Amino acid sequence: MSFVRVAALSELEADTPKRVAVGDVPVSLVRTGGEVFAINDICSHANVSLSEGEVDDCSIECWLHGSSFDLRTGKPSGLPATRPVPVYPVKIEGDDVLVSVTQES
């Protein structure tokens, strides 16, 4: 797995999504419950940015139609979305937040 620095931990406000890019992949970073999650930033239902949505506990809600996605698994927990979105591994090194969007072979 190849990890890339995407932000400083100190830049992430609790329960406020932050859009970053890892190469060509749009990623929403979310700091909640003492953890940092990385989820693909594009809603699987409407092709809009999840970073513009709201965080509630361990889920992020799409601002357009209200679909919610689990930050740990990417699975939708509310209609109209029925397909999950990818989630990515996160590492914290000091104040650096690193994300990997590569697949292990």
N, C-alpha and C. Protein backbone atom coordinates (compact mmCIF):
# COMPACT_ATOMS: atom_id res chain seq x y z
N MET A 1 0.84 -1.17 0.00
CA MET A 1 0.00 0.00 0.00
C MET A 1 0.88 1.24 0.00
N SER A 2 0.50 2.20 -0.78
CA SER A 2 1.24 3.44 -0.86
C SER A 2 0.43 4.56 -0.21
N PHE A 3 0.96 5.10 0.87
CA PHE A 3 0.26 6.17 1.59
C PHE A 3 0.78 7.53 1.15
N VAL A 4 -0.14 8.50 1.07
CA VAL A 4 0.17 9.85 0.65
C VAL A 4 -0.32 10.81 1.72
N ARG A 5 0.53 11.80 2.07
CA ARG A 5 0.10 12.82 3.03
C ARG A 5 -0.95 13.70 2.36
N VAL A 6 -2.10 13.87 3.03
CA VAL A 6 -3.19 14.65 2.45
C VAL A 6 -3.58 15.88 3.27
N ALA A 7 -3.20 15.88 4.55
CA ALA A 7 -3.58 17.00 5.42
C ALA A 7 -2.82 16.89 6.73
N ALA A 8 -2.89 17.97 7.49
CA ALA A 8 -2.40 17.95 8.87
C ALA A 8 -3.59 17.61 9.76
N LEU A 9 -3.35 16.79 10.77
CA LEU A 9 -4.41 16.42 11.70
C LEU A 9 -5.02 17.67 12.34
N SER A 10 -4.18 18.65 12.61
CA SER A 10 -4.66 19.89 13.24
C SER A 10 -5.59 20.70 12.34
N GLU A 11 -5.61 20.40 11.02
CA GLU A 11 -6.51 21.09 10.09
C GLU A 11 -7.92 20.52 10.11
N LEU A 12 -8.10 19.34 10.66
CA LEU A 12 -9.39 18.66 10.61
C LEU A 12 -10.24 19.02 11.82
N GLU A 13 -11.37 19.67 11.55
CA GLU A 13 -12.30 19.99 12.62
C GLU A 13 -13.19 18.78 12.87
N ALA A 14 -13.52 18.54 14.11
CA ALA A 14 -14.37 17.40 14.45
C ALA A 14 -15.71 17.50 13.73
N ASP A 15 -16.12 16.38 13.15
CA ASP A 15 -17.42 16.23 12.48
C ASP A 15 -17.64 17.19 11.30
N THR A 16 -16.54 17.67 10.72
CA THR A 16 -16.61 18.55 9.55
C THR A 16 -15.80 17.93 8.43
N PRO A 17 -16.44 17.43 7.37
CA PRO A 17 -15.72 16.80 6.28
C PRO A 17 -14.77 17.77 5.57
N LYS A 18 -13.65 17.25 5.12
CA LYS A 18 -12.67 18.04 4.36
C LYS A 18 -12.36 17.29 3.08
N ARG A 19 -12.56 17.94 1.95
CA ARG A 19 -12.28 17.33 0.64
C ARG A 19 -10.80 17.48 0.33
N VAL A 20 -10.18 16.36 -0.04
CA VAL A 20 -8.79 16.34 -0.49
C VAL A 20 -8.73 15.47 -1.74
N ALA A 21 -7.59 15.48 -2.40
CA ALA A 21 -7.39 14.62 -3.57
C ALA A 21 -6.14 13.78 -3.35
N VAL A 22 -6.25 12.52 -3.70
CA VAL A 22 -5.09 11.63 -3.71
C VAL A 22 -4.91 11.24 -5.17
N GLY A 23 -4.00 11.94 -5.84
CA GLY A 23 -3.91 11.80 -7.29
C GLY A 23 -5.20 12.29 -7.90
N ASP A 24 -5.87 11.43 -8.67
CA ASP A 24 -7.13 11.79 -9.31
C ASP A 24 -8.35 11.38 -8.49
N VAL A 25 -8.12 10.83 -7.29
CA VAL A 25 -9.23 10.31 -6.49
C VAL A 25 -9.69 11.36 -5.47
N PRO A 26 -10.96 11.80 -5.56
CA PRO A 26 -11.49 12.73 -4.57
C PRO A 26 -11.84 11.97 -3.28
N VAL A 27 -11.37 12.50 -2.16
CA VAL A 27 -11.54 11.84 -0.87
C VAL A 27 -12.11 12.83 0.13
N SER A 28 -13.03 12.34 0.95
CA SER A 28 -13.55 13.12 2.05
C SER A 28 -12.91 12.60 3.33
N LEU A 29 -12.21 13.48 4.04
CA LEU A 29 -11.63 13.13 5.34
C LEU A 29 -12.59 13.57 6.42
N VAL A 30 -12.79 12.70 7.40
CA VAL A 30 -13.70 13.04 8.50
C VAL A 30 -13.04 12.63 9.81
N ARG A 31 -12.95 13.60 10.72
CA ARG A 31 -12.46 13.33 12.07
C ARG A 31 -13.67 13.30 12.99
N THR A 32 -13.92 12.12 13.56
CA THR A 32 -15.07 11.97 14.44
C THR A 32 -14.79 10.88 15.47
N GLY A 33 -15.26 11.06 16.66
CA GLY A 33 -15.09 10.06 17.71
C GLY A 33 -13.64 9.70 17.97
N GLY A 34 -12.72 10.64 17.79
CA GLY A 34 -11.31 10.39 18.04
C GLY A 34 -10.60 9.63 16.93
N GLU A 35 -11.28 9.39 15.82
CA GLU A 35 -10.67 8.69 14.69
C GLU A 35 -10.77 9.55 13.44
N VAL A 36 -9.95 9.19 12.43
CA VAL A 36 -10.02 9.86 11.13
C VAL A 36 -10.37 8.81 10.09
N PHE A 37 -11.34 9.14 9.26
CA PHE A 37 -11.80 8.23 8.21
C PHE A 37 -11.59 8.89 6.85
N ALA A 38 -11.39 8.05 5.84
CA ALA A 38 -11.27 8.52 4.46
C ALA A 38 -12.26 7.73 3.62
N ILE A 39 -13.14 8.43 2.95
CA ILE A 39 -14.17 7.81 2.12
C ILE A 39 -14.18 8.53 0.78
N ASN A 40 -14.49 7.80 -0.28
CA ASN A 40 -14.57 8.45 -1.58
C ASN A 40 -15.57 9.59 -1.50
N ASP A 41 -15.21 10.71 -2.09
CA ASP A 41 -16.02 11.91 -1.92
C ASP A 41 -17.23 11.99 -2.83
N ILE A 42 -17.44 11.01 -3.70
CA ILE A 42 -18.54 11.08 -4.65
C ILE A 42 -19.66 10.12 -4.24
N CYS A 43 -20.85 10.66 -4.03
CA CYS A 43 -22.02 9.86 -3.68
C CYS A 43 -22.32 8.86 -4.80
N SER A 44 -22.57 7.62 -4.43
CA SER A 44 -22.85 6.57 -5.43
C SER A 44 -24.23 6.72 -6.06
N HIS A 45 -25.05 7.57 -5.51
CA HIS A 45 -26.40 7.76 -6.06
C HIS A 45 -26.46 8.94 -7.02
N ALA A 46 -25.87 10.07 -6.65
CA ALA A 46 -26.11 11.29 -7.43
C ALA A 46 -24.85 11.98 -7.94
N ASN A 47 -23.68 11.40 -7.75
CA ASN A 47 -22.44 11.96 -8.27
C ASN A 47 -22.19 13.39 -7.78
N VAL A 48 -22.41 13.62 -6.49
CA VAL A 48 -22.13 14.91 -5.87
C VAL A 48 -21.17 14.70 -4.70
N SER A 49 -20.56 15.78 -4.23
CA SER A 49 -19.55 15.71 -3.18
C SER A 49 -20.14 15.40 -1.81
N LEU A 50 -19.65 14.33 -1.20
CA LEU A 50 -20.09 14.00 0.16
C LEU A 50 -19.51 14.98 1.18
N SER A 51 -18.40 15.63 0.84
CA SER A 51 -17.78 16.59 1.77
C SER A 51 -18.68 17.78 2.08
N GLU A 52 -19.69 17.97 1.27
CA GLU A 52 -20.62 19.06 1.52
C GLU A 52 -21.77 18.63 2.43
N GLY A 53 -21.76 17.35 2.82
CA GLY A 53 -22.81 16.82 3.68
C GLY A 53 -22.49 16.96 5.15
N GLU A 54 -23.35 16.37 5.97
CA GLU A 54 -23.19 16.44 7.42
C GLU A 54 -22.75 15.10 7.98
N VAL A 55 -21.99 15.17 9.07
CA VAL A 55 -21.51 13.98 9.76
C VAL A 55 -22.35 13.78 11.01
N ASP A 56 -22.78 12.53 11.21
CA ASP A 56 -23.53 12.17 12.40
C ASP A 56 -22.97 10.85 12.90
N ASP A 57 -22.33 10.90 14.06
CA ASP A 57 -21.69 9.72 14.64
C ASP A 57 -20.67 9.19 13.65
N CYS A 58 -20.88 8.03 13.09
CA CYS A 58 -19.91 7.43 12.18
C CYS A 58 -20.48 7.31 10.76
N SER A 59 -21.28 8.30 10.37
CA SER A 59 -21.82 8.29 9.01
C SER A 59 -21.78 9.70 8.43
N ILE A 60 -21.81 9.75 7.10
CA ILE A 60 -21.85 11.02 6.40
C ILE A 60 -23.08 11.01 5.51
N GLU A 61 -23.79 12.12 5.50
CA GLU A 61 -25.04 12.21 4.74
C GLU A 61 -24.83 13.09 3.51
N CYS A 62 -25.27 12.59 2.38
CA CYS A 62 -25.21 13.35 1.14
C CYS A 62 -26.19 14.52 1.24
N TRP A 63 -25.73 15.71 0.90
CA TRP A 63 -26.54 16.92 1.03
C TRP A 63 -27.68 16.98 0.02
N LEU A 64 -27.57 16.26 -1.10
CA LEU A 64 -28.57 16.42 -2.15
C LEU A 64 -29.85 15.62 -1.91
N HIS A 65 -29.71 14.33 -1.64
CA HIS A 65 -30.90 13.48 -1.47
C HIS A 65 -30.97 12.79 -0.11
N GLY A 66 -29.99 13.02 0.76
CA GLY A 66 -30.06 12.48 2.11
C GLY A 66 -29.57 11.07 2.31
N SER A 67 -28.92 10.47 1.31
CA SER A 67 -28.34 9.14 1.52
C SER A 67 -27.23 9.23 2.55
N SER A 68 -27.14 8.25 3.44
CA SER A 68 -26.08 8.21 4.44
C SER A 68 -25.16 7.04 4.17
N PHE A 69 -23.87 7.23 4.45
CA PHE A 69 -22.87 6.19 4.24
C PHE A 69 -22.06 6.00 5.52
N ASP A 70 -21.83 4.74 5.88
CA ASP A 70 -21.02 4.41 7.04
C ASP A 70 -19.57 4.75 6.73
N LEU A 71 -18.92 5.54 7.57
CA LEU A 71 -17.54 5.96 7.33
C LEU A 71 -16.55 4.80 7.43
N ARG A 72 -16.93 3.74 8.14
CA ARG A 72 -16.04 2.59 8.31
C ARG A 72 -16.10 1.63 7.14
N THR A 73 -17.28 1.49 6.53
CA THR A 73 -17.46 0.47 5.49
C THR A 73 -17.85 1.04 4.13
N GLY A 74 -18.36 2.24 4.10
CA GLY A 74 -18.84 2.84 2.86
C GLY A 74 -20.24 2.39 2.47
N LYS A 75 -20.83 1.51 3.26
CA LYS A 75 -22.17 0.99 2.92
C LYS A 75 -23.23 2.06 3.17
N PRO A 76 -24.20 2.13 2.26
CA PRO A 76 -25.29 3.09 2.47
C PRO A 76 -26.20 2.61 3.60
N SER A 77 -26.64 3.56 4.40
CA SER A 77 -27.56 3.21 5.49
C SER A 77 -28.89 3.93 5.32
N GLY A 78 -29.05 4.55 4.18
CA GLY A 78 -30.31 5.23 3.92
C GLY A 78 -30.50 5.44 2.43
N LEU A 79 -31.72 5.24 1.98
CA LEU A 79 -32.05 5.44 0.57
C LEU A 79 -31.96 6.93 0.24
N PRO A 80 -31.77 7.27 -1.02
CA PRO A 80 -31.93 6.45 -2.21
C PRO A 80 -30.69 5.67 -2.64
N ALA A 81 -29.54 5.89 -2.02
CA ALA A 81 -28.33 5.14 -2.44
C ALA A 81 -28.47 3.67 -2.08
N THR A 82 -28.02 2.81 -2.98
CA THR A 82 -28.03 1.37 -2.74
C THR A 82 -26.65 0.76 -2.91
N ARG A 83 -25.71 1.51 -3.50
CA ARG A 83 -24.34 1.02 -3.70
C ARG A 83 -23.39 1.70 -2.73
N PRO A 84 -22.44 0.94 -2.19
CA PRO A 84 -21.46 1.54 -1.28
C PRO A 84 -20.47 2.43 -2.04
N VAL A 85 -19.76 3.25 -1.29
CA VAL A 85 -18.66 4.03 -1.84
C VAL A 85 -17.37 3.50 -1.22
N PRO A 86 -16.25 3.58 -1.92
CA PRO A 86 -15.00 3.06 -1.38
C PRO A 86 -14.55 3.82 -0.13
N VAL A 87 -13.96 3.08 0.80
CA VAL A 87 -13.29 3.67 1.95
C VAL A 87 -11.81 3.33 1.84
N TYR A 88 -10.96 4.15 2.45
CA TYR A 88 -9.53 4.01 2.28
C TYR A 88 -8.83 3.96 3.64
N PRO A 89 -7.72 3.21 3.72
CA PRO A 89 -6.94 3.16 4.96
C PRO A 89 -6.32 4.52 5.27
N VAL A 90 -6.28 4.83 6.57
CA VAL A 90 -5.70 6.09 7.05
C VAL A 90 -4.61 5.76 8.07
N LYS A 91 -3.51 6.50 7.99
CA LYS A 91 -2.46 6.42 9.01
C LYS A 91 -2.20 7.83 9.52
N ILE A 92 -1.95 7.93 10.82
CA ILE A 92 -1.58 9.20 11.42
C ILE A 92 -0.13 9.08 11.87
N GLU A 93 0.72 10.00 11.38
CA GLU A 93 2.13 10.03 11.78
C GLU A 93 2.41 11.44 12.28
N GLY A 94 2.48 11.58 13.60
CA GLY A 94 2.64 12.92 14.17
C GLY A 94 1.39 13.73 13.88
N ASP A 95 1.56 14.84 13.13
CA ASP A 95 0.42 15.67 12.75
C ASP A 95 0.00 15.41 11.30
N ASP A 96 0.62 14.45 10.65
CA ASP A 96 0.32 14.14 9.25
C ASP A 96 -0.76 13.09 9.12
N VAL A 97 -1.72 13.35 8.24
CA VAL A 97 -2.76 12.37 7.90
C VAL A 97 -2.39 11.80 6.54
N LEU A 98 -2.22 10.47 6.49
CA LEU A 98 -1.87 9.80 5.26
C LEU A 98 -2.98 8.86 4.84
N VAL A 99 -3.24 8.80 3.53
CA VAL A 99 -4.31 7.95 2.99
C VAL A 99 -3.74 7.14 1.84
N SER A 100 -4.21 5.90 1.72
CA SER A 100 -3.85 5.05 0.60
C SER A 100 -5.10 4.74 -0.21
N VAL A 101 -5.03 5.01 -1.51
CA VAL A 101 -6.15 4.65 -2.38
C VAL A 101 -5.77 3.49 -3.31
N THR A 102 -4.59 2.93 -3.09
CA THR A 102 -4.14 1.81 -3.93
C THR A 102 -4.63 0.50 -3.36
N GLN A 103 -4.87 -0.46 -4.25
CA GLN A 103 -5.30 -1.80 -3.85
C GLN A 103 -4.08 -2.68 -3.63
N GLU A 104 -4.11 -3.50 -2.61
CA GLU A 104 -3.04 -4.49 -2.43
C GLU A 104 -3.23 -5.60 -3.44
N SER A 105 -2.10 -6.10 -3.98
CA SER A 105 -2.22 -7.20 -4.94
C SER A 105 -2.15 -8.53 -4.26
